[in-house]
Amino acid sequence: MKRFMLLRLINGETTGKSRMEKSGKRAACAVWVLCASLFFMACAGEETAAEQAGQSEDWLTERAKQDRRTSQDRRTQPQDSEKVKRISLDDHDGQMILTESGDIWLSGSLDGQVVIDAEEDEMVHLYLAGVEIASLNGPAIHIQEAAKTIVTLVSDTENVLSDSPDYTGWEETPACLYSACDLTINGGGALQVYGYYADGIRSKDRIKLLDGTLAVHAKGDGIRGNDGVYMQEAFVDIESEKNGLRTVNQGAGDRGVIEVNGGTLSVVAGKNGICAASDLYLYRGKGSVKAVEEMVRTEGTAYIAENFIK
């Protein structure tokens, strides 16, 4: 029988809480820098705990320097203004299905739903330029098919997405902003998400939160990327009745990892604040986490910079 040990850093002090896990599963959690020596003393071989802690800090420092943004993730302006499809939602009602790939510019208000249904090998870049979408049934934005979707919050715009408690026929896509593919959110604007049925933002794959200001209110999880969540230089405020930030899958290639490398993260959760199915990295930035159950929960190893969570 193996032990799961969670160490937290709260106001400069560490507190421990242990839980017995099922046989065959093991997770260890350590606070980066302050608790590194404790962690490596338990694993030490011939090297001293201090040496191993130093190596760990070097490794973490190098990892933190890695920029996980692709050239596509960085783009916040259309490549060719003449090829952008511009749509005013004021001219539409009900469900609007978009089958095109490439750059799509949305503005205006819609009582209904936007569905992205592109080819599975094509990327969609959605620009939100002051939209307000209120769905009466199912997700406000449902990314049904695409290789990857980037949502850019156009600078100096306010955008609002909301759903309703009615998800008849949409039970398998339980989020106000739901994506069946990798999802990146960037830009200099703001987005408010109200998930009245379940999750605020969910992707079956990975989510990247880059720049922008997000405020998420959810009946379920706030932001859930099944295969991973990466945050850099965004301002994210989550209020959820379940988990705040969550991953659920495990596997190779950082699957299930939550990584915060800059920005500001604020979480108020009715269950766990940050819940990672694999490793957790909180390198840089500022964090405020309040949770009914655990502030931080991970099935892997947690590396948390000193004073990240206050």
C-alpha atoms as a PDB file:
ATOM      1  CA  MET A   1       0.000   0.000   0.000  1.00  0.00           C
ATOM      2  CA  LYS A   2       1.471   3.329  -1.038  1.00  0.00           C
ATOM      3  CA  ARG A   3       1.175   6.763   0.439  1.00  0.00           C
ATOM      4  CA  PHE A   4       0.140   9.974  -1.272  1.00  0.00           C
ATOM      5  CA  MET A   5       1.679  12.975   0.468  1.00  0.00           C
ATOM      6  CA  LEU A   6       0.506  16.481  -0.321  1.00  0.00           C
ATOM      7  CA  LEU A   7       2.635  19.385   0.897  1.00  0.00           C
ATOM      8  CA  ARG A   8       1.226  22.890   0.640  1.00  0.00           C
ATOM      9  CA  LEU A   9       2.846  26.268   0.995  1.00  0.00           C
ATOM     10  CA  ILE A  10       0.539  28.649   2.836  1.00  0.00           C
ATOM     11  CA  ASN A  11       1.820  32.049   3.959  1.00  0.00           C
ATOM     12  CA  GLY A  12       5.403  30.836   3.914  1.00  0.00           C
ATOM     13  CA  GLU A  13       4.730  27.705   5.971  1.00  0.00           C
ATOM     14  CA  THR A  14       4.237  24.137   4.871  1.00  0.00           C
ATOM     15  CA  THR A  15       1.421  21.940   5.998  1.00  0.00           C
ATOM     16  CA  GLY A  16       1.096  18.266   5.213  1.00  0.00           C
ATOM     17  CA  LYS A  17      -1.867  16.020   4.581  1.00  0.00           C
ATOM     18  CA  SER A  18      -1.611  12.306   3.759  1.00  0.00           C
ATOM     19  CA  ARG A  19      -3.988   9.913   2.024  1.00  0.00           C
ATOM     20  CA  MET A  20      -3.669   6.161   1.343  1.00  0.00           C
ATOM     21  CA  GLU A  21      -3.895   5.450  -2.363  1.00  0.00           C
ATOM     22  CA  LYS A  22      -4.756   2.241  -4.200  1.00  0.00           C
ATOM     23  CA  SER A  23      -2.009  -0.350  -4.691  1.00  0.00           C
ATOM     24  CA  GLY A  24      -0.069   0.177  -7.901  1.00  0.00           C
ATOM     25  CA  LYS A  25      -0.611   3.970  -7.939  1.00  0.00           C
ATOM     26  CA  ARG A  26       1.849   6.391  -6.449  1.00  0.00           C
ATOM     27  CA  ALA A  27       1.944  10.131  -6.351  1.00  0.00           C
ATOM     28  CA  ALA A  28       4.286  12.477  -4.560  1.00  0.00           C
ATOM     29  CA  CYS A  29       3.875  16.184  -4.164  1.00  0.00           C
ATOM     30  CA  ALA A  30       6.610  18.620  -3.232  1.00  0.00           C
ATOM     31  CA  VAL A  31       6.820  22.361  -2.892  1.00  0.00           C
ATOM     32  CA  TRP A  32       9.507  23.678  -5.243  1.00  0.00           C
ATOM     33  CA  VAL A  33      12.438  25.423  -3.561  1.00  0.00           C
ATOM     34  CA  LEU A  34      11.212  25.452   0.039  1.00  0.00           C
ATOM     35  CA  CYS A  35      10.400  21.730   0.231  1.00  0.00           C
ATOM     36  CA  ALA A  36      12.838  20.448  -2.396  1.00  0.00           C
ATOM     37  CA  SER A  37      15.280  19.092   0.175  1.00  0.00           C
ATOM     38  CA  LEU A  38      12.539  17.155   1.974  1.00  0.00           C
ATOM     39  CA  PHE A  39      11.418  15.559  -1.261  1.00  0.00           C
ATOM     40  CA  PHE A  40      14.846  14.530  -2.427  1.00  0.00           C
ATOM     41  CA  MET A  41      15.949  13.202   0.952  1.00  0.00           C
ATOM     42  CA  ALA A  42      13.215  10.605   0.572  1.00  0.00           C
ATOM     43  CA  CYS A  43      14.560   9.646  -2.859  1.00  0.00           C
ATOM     44  CA  ALA A  44      18.280  10.126  -2.261  1.00  0.00           C
ATOM     45  CA  GLY A  45      20.854   7.628  -3.460  1.00  0.00           C
ATOM     46  CA  GLU A  46      24.544   8.443  -3.382  1.00  0.00           C
ATOM     47  CA  GLU A  47      24.038  12.164  -3.945  1.00  0.00           C
ATOM     48  CA  THR A  48      23.172  14.433  -1.060  1.00  0.00           C
ATOM     49  CA  ALA A  49      19.729  15.955  -0.773  1.00  0.00           C
ATOM     50  CA  ALA A  50      21.199  19.408  -1.381  1.00  0.00           C
ATOM     51  CA  GLU A  51      22.889  18.288  -4.613  1.00  0.00           C
ATOM     52  CA  GLN A  52      19.739  16.699  -5.911  1.00  0.00           C
ATOM     53  CA  ALA A  53      17.664  19.693  -4.899  1.00  0.00           C
ATOM     54  CA  GLY A  54      20.064  21.925  -6.818  1.00  0.00           C
ATOM     55  CA  GLN A  55      19.775  19.731  -9.890  1.00  0.00           C
ATOM     56  CA  SER A  56      16.003  19.803  -9.587  1.00  0.00           C
ATOM     57  CA  GLU A  57      15.949  23.583  -9.385  1.00  0.00           C
ATOM     58  CA  ASP A  58      18.172  23.798 -12.480  1.00  0.00           C
ATOM     59  CA  TRP A  59      15.890  21.403 -14.352  1.00  0.00           C
ATOM     60  CA  LEU A  60      12.796  23.338 -13.321  1.00  0.00           C
ATOM     61  CA  THR A  61      14.410  26.633 -14.285  1.00  0.00           C
ATOM     62  CA  GLU A  62      15.202  25.285 -17.745  1.00  0.00           C
ATOM     63  CA  ARG A  63      11.705  23.863 -18.118  1.00  0.00           C
ATOM     64  CA  ALA A  64      10.186  27.184 -17.106  1.00  0.00           C
ATOM     65  CA  LYS A  65      12.168  28.889 -19.891  1.00  0.00           C
ATOM     66  CA  GLN A  66      10.513  26.722 -22.527  1.00  0.00           C
ATOM     67  CA  ASP A  67       7.956  28.672 -24.532  1.00  0.00           C
ATOM     68  CA  ARG A  68       5.102  26.342 -25.378  1.00  0.00           C
ATOM     69  CA  ARG A  69       3.437  28.842 -27.682  1.00  0.00           C
ATOM     70  CA  THR A  70       3.550  27.940 -31.358  1.00  0.00           C
ATOM     71  CA  SER A  71       3.679  30.576 -34.096  1.00  0.00           C
ATOM     72  CA  GLN A  72      -0.053  30.003 -34.515  1.00  0.00           C
ATOM     73  CA  ASP A  73      -0.660  30.527 -30.801  1.00  0.00           C
ATOM     74  CA  ARG A  74       1.142  33.871 -30.954  1.00  0.00           C
ATOM     75  CA  ARG A  75      -0.952  35.287 -33.788  1.00  0.00           C
ATOM     76  CA  THR A  76      -3.570  37.803 -32.671  1.00  0.00           C
ATOM     77  CA  GLN A  77      -4.183  39.474 -36.045  1.00  0.00           C
ATOM     78  CA  PRO A  78      -5.483  37.953 -39.298  1.00  0.00           C
ATOM     79  CA  GLN A  79      -2.741  36.987 -41.739  1.00  0.00           C
ATOM     80  CA  ASP A  80      -4.635  38.414 -44.716  1.00  0.00           C
ATOM     81  CA  SER A  81      -7.385  40.937 -43.986  1.00  0.00           C
ATOM     82  CA  GLU A  82      -8.945  40.315 -47.395  1.00  0.00           C
ATOM     83  CA  LYS A  83      -9.468  36.625 -46.643  1.00  0.00           C
ATOM     84  CA  VAL A  84     -11.098  37.083 -43.243  1.00  0.00           C
ATOM     85  CA  LYS A  85     -14.724  36.010 -43.027  1.00  0.00           C
ATOM     86  CA  ARG A  86     -16.502  38.744 -41.061  1.00  0.00           C
ATOM     87  CA  ILE A  87     -19.838  37.910 -39.456  1.00  0.00           C
ATOM     88  CA  SER A  88     -22.181  40.169 -37.518  1.00  0.00           C
ATOM     89  CA  LEU A  89     -24.155  38.005 -35.123  1.00  0.00           C
ATOM     90  CA  ASP A  90     -26.856  40.683 -35.090  1.00  0.00           C
ATOM     91  CA  ASP A  91     -27.912  39.369 -38.502  1.00  0.00           C
ATOM     92  CA  HIS A  92     -28.482  35.822 -37.249  1.00  0.00           C
ATOM     93  CA  ASP A  93     -30.724  33.948 -34.849  1.00  0.00           C
ATOM     94  CA  GLY A  94     -30.652  30.463 -33.358  1.00  0.00           C
ATOM     95  CA  GLN A  95     -27.885  28.063 -34.305  1.00  0.00           C
ATOM     96  CA  MET A  96     -25.174  29.244 -36.698  1.00  0.00           C
ATOM     97  CA  ILE A  97     -22.937  26.521 -38.173  1.00  0.00           C
ATOM     98  CA  LEU A  98     -19.543  27.520 -39.580  1.00  0.00           C
ATOM     99  CA  THR A  99     -17.853  24.957 -41.804  1.00  0.00           C
ATOM    100  CA  GLU A 100     -14.995  27.137 -43.034  1.00  0.00           C
ATOM    101  CA  SER A 101     -11.441  27.005 -41.744  1.00  0.00           C
ATOM    102  CA  GLY A 102      -9.088  29.955 -41.490  1.00  0.00           C
ATOM    103  CA  ASP A 103      -9.819  33.347 -39.940  1.00  0.00           C
ATOM    104  CA  ILE A 104     -13.379  34.118 -38.811  1.00  0.00           C
ATOM    105  CA  TRP A 105     -14.224  37.498 -37.237  1.00  0.00           C
ATOM    106  CA  LEU A 106     -17.326  37.638 -35.039  1.00  0.00           C
ATOM    107  CA  SER A 107     -19.071  40.691 -33.608  1.00  0.00           C
ATOM    108  CA  GLY A 108     -22.539  41.497 -32.297  1.00  0.00           C
ATOM    109  CA  SER A 109     -25.086  39.555 -30.254  1.00  0.00           C
ATOM    110  CA  LEU A 110     -26.779  36.197 -30.727  1.00  0.00           C
ATOM    111  CA  ASP A 111     -29.514  34.386 -28.833  1.00  0.00           C
ATOM    112  CA  GLY A 112     -28.400  30.965 -29.912  1.00  0.00           C
ATOM    113  CA  GLN A 113     -25.268  28.983 -30.583  1.00  0.00           C
ATOM    114  CA  VAL A 114     -22.158  29.082 -32.769  1.00  0.00           C
ATOM    115  CA  VAL A 115     -20.986  25.675 -34.013  1.00  0.00           C
ATOM    116  CA  ILE A 116     -17.570  25.164 -35.625  1.00  0.00           C
ATOM    117  CA  ASP A 117     -17.636  22.151 -37.944  1.00  0.00           C
ATOM    118  CA  ALA A 118     -14.507  22.338 -40.110  1.00  0.00           C
ATOM    119  CA  GLU A 119     -12.452  19.499 -41.565  1.00  0.00           C
ATOM    120  CA  GLU A 120     -10.549  17.456 -39.004  1.00  0.00           C
ATOM    121  CA  ASP A 121      -7.181  18.470 -40.489  1.00  0.00           C
ATOM    122  CA  GLU A 122      -7.907  22.207 -40.741  1.00  0.00           C
ATOM    123  CA  MET A 123      -7.306  24.963 -38.192  1.00  0.00           C
ATOM    124  CA  VAL A 124      -9.892  27.573 -37.265  1.00  0.00           C
ATOM    125  CA  HIS A 125      -8.953  30.991 -35.885  1.00  0.00           C
ATOM    126  CA  LEU A 126     -11.934  32.678 -34.276  1.00  0.00           C
ATOM    127  CA  TYR A 127     -11.736  36.393 -33.444  1.00  0.00           C
ATOM    128  CA  LEU A 128     -14.198  37.655 -30.843  1.00  0.00           C
ATOM    129  CA  ALA A 129     -14.649  41.395 -31.335  1.00  0.00           C
ATOM    130  CA  GLY A 130     -17.287  42.386 -28.818  1.00  0.00           C
ATOM    131  CA  VAL A 131     -19.659  39.413 -28.952  1.00  0.00           C
ATOM    132  CA  GLU A 132     -22.465  38.390 -26.647  1.00  0.00           C
ATOM    133  CA  ILE A 133     -23.736  34.855 -27.207  1.00  0.00           C
ATOM    134  CA  ALA A 134     -26.504  33.434 -25.014  1.00  0.00           C
ATOM    135  CA  SER A 135     -27.432  29.825 -25.724  1.00  0.00           C
ATOM    136  CA  LEU A 136     -30.861  28.511 -24.769  1.00  0.00           C
ATOM    137  CA  ASN A 137     -29.787  24.868 -25.161  1.00  0.00           C
ATOM    138  CA  GLY A 138     -26.243  23.517 -25.159  1.00  0.00           C
ATOM    139  CA  PRO A 139     -22.891  25.325 -25.428  1.00  0.00           C
ATOM    140  CA  ALA A 140     -22.722  28.939 -26.529  1.00  0.00           C
ATOM    141  CA  ILE A 141     -19.737  27.997 -28.714  1.00  0.00           C
ATOM    142  CA  HIS A 142     -19.383  24.349 -29.709  1.00  0.00           C
ATOM    143  CA  ILE A 143     -16.183  23.455 -31.567  1.00  0.00           C
ATOM    144  CA  GLN A 144     -17.329  20.173 -33.017  1.00  0.00           C
ATOM    145  CA  GLU A 145     -14.581  19.478 -35.543  1.00  0.00           C
ATOM    146  CA  ALA A 146     -11.214  21.031 -36.390  1.00  0.00           C
ATOM    147  CA  ALA A 147      -7.547  20.170 -36.073  1.00  0.00           C
ATOM    148  CA  LYS A 148      -7.102  23.058 -33.641  1.00  0.00           C
ATOM    149  CA  THR A 149      -8.997  26.191 -32.707  1.00  0.00           C
ATOM    150  CA  ILE A 150      -7.566  29.518 -31.601  1.00  0.00           C
ATOM    151  CA  VAL A 151      -9.904  32.034 -30.000  1.00  0.00           C
ATOM    152  CA  THR A 152      -8.495  35.562 -30.031  1.00  0.00           C
ATOM    153  CA  LEU A 153     -10.033  38.176 -27.767  1.00  0.00           C
ATOM    154  CA  VAL A 154      -9.619  41.287 -29.882  1.00  0.00           C
ATOM    155  CA  SER A 155      -7.887  44.087 -27.976  1.00  0.00           C
ATOM    156  CA  ASP A 156     -10.127  46.514 -26.100  1.00  0.00           C
ATOM    157  CA  THR A 157     -13.255  44.396 -26.557  1.00  0.00           C
ATOM    158  CA  GLU A 158     -15.550  42.787 -23.989  1.00  0.00           C
ATOM    159  CA  ASN A 159     -16.999  39.392 -24.861  1.00  0.00           C
ATOM    160  CA  VAL A 160     -19.649  37.391 -23.009  1.00  0.00           C
ATOM    161  CA  LEU A 161     -20.687  33.750 -23.404  1.00  0.00           C
ATOM    162  CA  SER A 162     -23.503  32.129 -21.442  1.00  0.00           C
ATOM    163  CA  ASP A 163     -25.507  28.933 -21.624  1.00  0.00           C
ATOM    164  CA  SER A 164     -28.604  27.718 -19.792  1.00  0.00           C
ATOM    165  CA  PRO A 165     -29.426  24.777 -17.493  1.00  0.00           C
ATOM    166  CA  ASP A 166     -31.055  23.051 -20.482  1.00  0.00           C
ATOM    167  CA  TYR A 167     -28.690  20.707 -22.349  1.00  0.00           C
ATOM    168  CA  THR A 168     -31.236  18.379 -23.916  1.00  0.00           C
ATOM    169  CA  GLY A 169     -29.364  16.536 -26.662  1.00  0.00           C
ATOM    170  CA  TRP A 170     -26.076  18.185 -25.662  1.00  0.00           C
ATOM    171  CA  GLU A 171     -25.263  16.175 -22.548  1.00  0.00           C
ATOM    172  CA  GLU A 172     -21.929  14.964 -23.985  1.00  0.00           C
ATOM    173  CA  THR A 173     -20.655  18.519 -24.499  1.00  0.00           C
ATOM    174  CA  PRO A 174     -21.274  19.990 -21.034  1.00  0.00           C
ATOM    175  CA  ALA A 175     -19.543  23.375 -21.180  1.00  0.00           C
ATOM    176  CA  CYS A 176     -20.431  26.902 -22.213  1.00  0.00           C
ATOM    177  CA  LEU A 177     -17.342  26.949 -24.450  1.00  0.00           C
ATOM    178  CA  TYR A 178     -16.748  23.368 -25.544  1.00  0.00           C
ATOM    179  CA  SER A 179     -13.998  22.134 -27.862  1.00  0.00           C
ATOM    180  CA  ALA A 180     -13.401  18.667 -29.265  1.00  0.00           C
ATOM    181  CA  CYS A 181      -9.839  19.679 -30.248  1.00  0.00           C
ATOM    182  CA  ASP A 182      -6.879  21.629 -28.867  1.00  0.00           C
ATOM    183  CA  LEU A 183      -7.994  25.099 -27.817  1.00  0.00           C
ATOM    184  CA  THR A 184      -5.895  28.252 -27.459  1.00  0.00           C
ATOM    185  CA  ILE A 185      -7.252  31.503 -26.034  1.00  0.00           C
ATOM    186  CA  ASN A 186      -5.150  34.634 -26.585  1.00  0.00           C
ATOM    187  CA  GLY A 187      -5.421  38.349 -27.315  1.00  0.00           C
ATOM    188  CA  GLY A 188      -5.707  41.642 -25.482  1.00  0.00           C
ATOM    189  CA  GLY A 189      -9.453  41.634 -24.873  1.00  0.00           C
ATOM    190  CA  ALA A 190     -11.667  40.201 -22.160  1.00  0.00           C
ATOM    191  CA  LEU A 191     -14.004  37.209 -21.983  1.00  0.00           C
ATOM    192  CA  GLN A 192     -16.664  36.392 -19.428  1.00  0.00           C
ATOM    193  CA  VAL A 193     -18.037  32.851 -19.403  1.00  0.00           C
ATOM    194  CA  TYR A 194     -21.148  31.736 -17.525  1.00  0.00           C
ATOM    195  CA  GLY A 195     -21.632  27.976 -17.386  1.00  0.00           C
ATOM    196  CA  TYR A 196     -25.066  27.487 -15.852  1.00  0.00           C
ATOM    197  CA  TYR A 197     -25.265  23.775 -16.720  1.00  0.00           C
ATOM    198  CA  ALA A 198     -21.805  22.392 -15.937  1.00  0.00           C
ATOM    199  CA  ASP A 199     -18.298  23.538 -16.957  1.00  0.00           C
ATOM    200  CA  GLY A 200     -17.289  26.993 -18.077  1.00  0.00           C
ATOM    201  CA  ILE A 201     -14.598  26.054 -20.624  1.00  0.00           C
ATOM    202  CA  ARG A 202     -13.730  22.481 -21.578  1.00  0.00           C
ATOM    203  CA  SER A 203     -11.573  20.808 -24.211  1.00  0.00           C
ATOM    204  CA  LYS A 204     -11.314  17.087 -24.897  1.00  0.00           C
ATOM    205  CA  ASP A 205      -7.645  17.760 -25.647  1.00  0.00           C
ATOM    206  CA  ARG A 206      -5.419  20.601 -24.369  1.00  0.00           C
ATOM    207  CA  ILE A 207      -6.124  24.200 -23.427  1.00  0.00           C
ATOM    208  CA  LYS A 208      -3.655  27.092 -23.626  1.00  0.00           C
ATOM    209  CA  LEU A 209      -4.480  30.370 -21.909  1.00  0.00           C
ATOM    210  CA  LEU A 210      -2.207  33.058 -23.337  1.00  0.00           C
ATOM    211  CA  ASP A 211      -2.737  36.731 -22.596  1.00  0.00           C
ATOM    212  CA  GLY A 212      -6.237  38.113 -22.295  1.00  0.00           C
ATOM    213  CA  THR A 213      -8.519  38.480 -19.301  1.00  0.00           C
ATOM    214  CA  LEU A 214     -10.888  35.620 -18.491  1.00  0.00           C
ATOM    215  CA  ALA A 215     -13.614  35.501 -15.864  1.00  0.00           C
ATOM    216  CA  VAL A 216     -15.285  32.094 -15.605  1.00  0.00           C
ATOM    217  CA  HIS A 217     -18.340  31.257 -13.492  1.00  0.00           C
ATOM    218  CA  ALA A 218     -19.383  27.609 -13.592  1.00  0.00           C
ATOM    219  CA  LYS A 219     -21.843  25.171 -12.084  1.00  0.00           C
ATOM    220  CA  GLY A 220     -19.261  22.418 -12.641  1.00  0.00           C
ATOM    221  CA  ASP A 221     -15.515  22.818 -13.280  1.00  0.00           C
ATOM    222  CA  GLY A 222     -14.245  26.260 -14.212  1.00  0.00           C
ATOM    223  CA  ILE A 223     -11.663  25.384 -16.885  1.00  0.00           C
ATOM    224  CA  ARG A 224     -11.052  21.757 -17.827  1.00  0.00           C
ATOM    225  CA  GLY A 225      -8.563  20.541 -20.413  1.00  0.00           C
ATOM    226  CA  ASN A 226      -8.784  16.762 -20.417  1.00  0.00           C
ATOM    227  CA  ASP A 227      -5.215  16.307 -21.713  1.00  0.00           C
ATOM    228  CA  GLY A 228      -3.592  19.398 -20.218  1.00  0.00           C
ATOM    229  CA  VAL A 229      -3.779  23.084 -19.320  1.00  0.00           C
ATOM    230  CA  TYR A 230      -1.008  25.613 -19.986  1.00  0.00           C
ATOM    231  CA  MET A 231      -1.246  29.230 -18.849  1.00  0.00           C
ATOM    232  CA  GLN A 232       1.118  32.086 -19.653  1.00  0.00           C
ATOM    233  CA  GLU A 233       0.642  35.804 -19.023  1.00  0.00           C
ATOM    234  CA  ALA A 234      -3.148  35.594 -18.824  1.00  0.00           C
ATOM    235  CA  PHE A 235      -5.401  37.003 -16.127  1.00  0.00           C
ATOM    236  CA  VAL A 236      -7.770  34.215 -15.118  1.00  0.00           C
ATOM    237  CA  ASP A 237     -10.499  34.475 -12.490  1.00  0.00           C
ATOM    238  CA  ILE A 238     -12.502  31.310 -11.764  1.00  0.00           C
ATOM    239  CA  GLU A 239     -15.522  30.781  -9.546  1.00  0.00           C
ATOM    240  CA  SER A 240     -16.828  27.218  -9.734  1.00  0.00           C
ATOM    241  CA  GLU A 241     -19.033  24.894  -7.736  1.00  0.00           C
ATOM    242  CA  LYS A 242     -16.680  21.978  -8.451  1.00  0.00           C
ATOM    243  CA  ASN A 243     -12.986  22.139  -9.439  1.00  0.00           C
ATOM    244  CA  GLY A 244     -11.386  25.380 -10.532  1.00  0.00           C
ATOM    245  CA  LEU A 245      -8.645  24.291 -12.964  1.00  0.00           C
ATOM    246  CA  ARG A 246      -8.653  20.602 -13.920  1.00  0.00           C
ATOM    247  CA  THR A 247      -7.158  17.860 -16.107  1.00  0.00           C
ATOM    248  CA  VAL A 248      -8.377  14.255 -16.161  1.00  0.00           C
ATOM    249  CA  ASN A 249      -6.205  12.119 -18.458  1.00  0.00           C
ATOM    250  CA  GLN A 250      -2.723  10.661 -17.940  1.00  0.00           C
ATOM    251  CA  GLY A 251      -0.060   9.478 -20.375  1.00  0.00           C
ATOM    252  CA  ALA A 252       3.131  10.302 -22.236  1.00  0.00           C
ATOM    253  CA  GLY A 253       4.048  13.713 -23.547  1.00  0.00           C
ATOM    254  CA  ASP A 254       2.916  15.760 -20.557  1.00  0.00           C
ATOM    255  CA  ARG A 255      -0.598  14.432 -20.840  1.00  0.00           C
ATOM    256  CA  GLY A 256      -2.645  15.586 -17.882  1.00  0.00           C
ATOM    257  CA  VAL A 257      -0.132  18.255 -16.812  1.00  0.00           C
ATOM    258  CA  ILE A 258      -1.192  21.658 -15.510  1.00  0.00           C
ATOM    259  CA  GLU A 259       1.458  24.329 -16.038  1.00  0.00           C
ATOM    260  CA  VAL A 260       1.280  28.008 -15.048  1.00  0.00           C
ATOM    261  CA  ASN A 261       4.205  30.102 -16.267  1.00  0.00           C
ATOM    262  CA  GLY A 262       3.174  33.672 -15.638  1.00  0.00           C
ATOM    263  CA  GLY A 263       0.054  35.738 -15.265  1.00  0.00           C
ATOM    264  CA  THR A 264      -2.470  35.919 -12.466  1.00  0.00           C
ATOM    265  CA  LEU A 265      -4.700  33.037 -11.407  1.00  0.00           C
ATOM    266  CA  SER A 266      -7.537  33.429  -8.923  1.00  0.00           C
ATOM    267  CA  VAL A 267      -9.700  30.445  -7.989  1.00  0.00           C
ATOM    268  CA  VAL A 268     -12.663  30.031  -5.661  1.00  0.00           C
ATOM    269  CA  ALA A 269     -13.869  26.424  -5.874  1.00  0.00           C
ATOM    270  CA  GLY A 270     -16.536  24.335  -4.214  1.00  0.00           C
ATOM    271  CA  LYS A 271     -14.334  21.255  -4.547  1.00  0.00           C
ATOM    272  CA  ASN A 272     -10.598  21.375  -5.412  1.00  0.00           C
ATOM    273  CA  GLY A 273      -8.870  24.563  -6.493  1.00  0.00           C
ATOM    274  CA  ILE A 274      -6.296  23.127  -8.931  1.00  0.00           C
ATOM    275  CA  CYS A 275      -6.727  19.441  -9.768  1.00  0.00           C
ATOM    276  CA  ALA A 276      -4.095  17.788 -11.994  1.00  0.00           C
ATOM    277  CA  ALA A 277      -4.308  14.210 -13.253  1.00  0.00           C
ATOM    278  CA  SER A 278      -0.524  14.241 -13.729  1.00  0.00           C
ATOM    279  CA  ASP A 279       2.241  16.673 -12.738  1.00  0.00           C
ATOM    280  CA  LEU A 280       1.643  20.253 -11.670  1.00  0.00           C
ATOM    281  CA  TYR A 281       4.020  23.158 -12.338  1.00  0.00           C
ATOM    282  CA  LEU A 282       3.365  26.591 -10.871  1.00  0.00           C
ATOM    283  CA  TYR A 283       6.523  28.490 -11.821  1.00  0.00           C
ATOM    284  CA  ARG A 284       5.841  32.195 -12.122  1.00  0.00           C
ATOM    285  CA  GLY A 285       2.963  34.547 -11.627  1.00  0.00           C
ATOM    286  CA  LYS A 286       0.543  35.137  -8.810  1.00  0.00           C
ATOM    287  CA  GLY A 287      -2.029  32.743  -7.453  1.00  0.00           C
ATOM    288  CA  SER A 288      -4.924  32.979  -5.052  1.00  0.00           C
ATOM    289  CA  VAL A 289      -6.727  29.708  -4.393  1.00  0.00           C
ATOM    290  CA  LYS A 290      -9.646  29.093  -2.056  1.00  0.00           C
ATOM    291  CA  ALA A 291     -11.292  25.679  -2.018  1.00  0.00           C
ATOM    292  CA  VAL A 292     -13.726  23.693   0.101  1.00  0.00           C
ATOM    293  CA  GLU A 293     -11.642  20.515  -0.225  1.00  0.00           C
ATOM    294  CA  GLU A 294      -8.012  20.912  -1.342  1.00  0.00           C
ATOM    295  CA  MET A 295      -6.279  23.984  -2.704  1.00  0.00           C
ATOM    296  CA  VAL A 296      -3.987  21.807  -4.819  1.00  0.00           C
ATOM    297  CA  ARG A 297      -4.540  18.155  -5.703  1.00  0.00           C
ATOM    298  CA  THR A 298      -2.333  16.153  -8.059  1.00  0.00           C
ATOM    299  CA  GLU A 299      -1.893  12.520  -9.022  1.00  0.00           C
ATOM    300  CA  GLY A 300       1.707  13.233 -10.019  1.00  0.00           C
ATOM    301  CA  THR A 301       4.374  15.565  -8.634  1.00  0.00           C
ATOM    302  CA  ALA A 302       3.728  19.200  -7.810  1.00  0.00           C
ATOM    303  CA  TYR A 303       6.407  21.861  -8.208  1.00  0.00           C
ATOM    304  CA  ILE A 304       5.121  25.076  -6.679  1.00  0.00           C
ATOM    305  CA  ALA A 305       7.266  28.197  -6.524  1.00  0.00           C
ATOM    306  CA  GLU A 306       7.549  29.783  -3.119  1.00  0.00           C
ATOM    307  CA  ASN A 307       4.805  32.332  -2.484  1.00  0.00           C
ATOM    308  CA  PHE A 308       2.961  31.469  -5.707  1.00  0.00           C
ATOM    309  CA  ILE A 309      -0.223  30.637  -3.814  1.00  0.00           C
ATOM    310  CA  LYS A 310      -1.383  33.114  -1.203  1.00  0.00           C
END
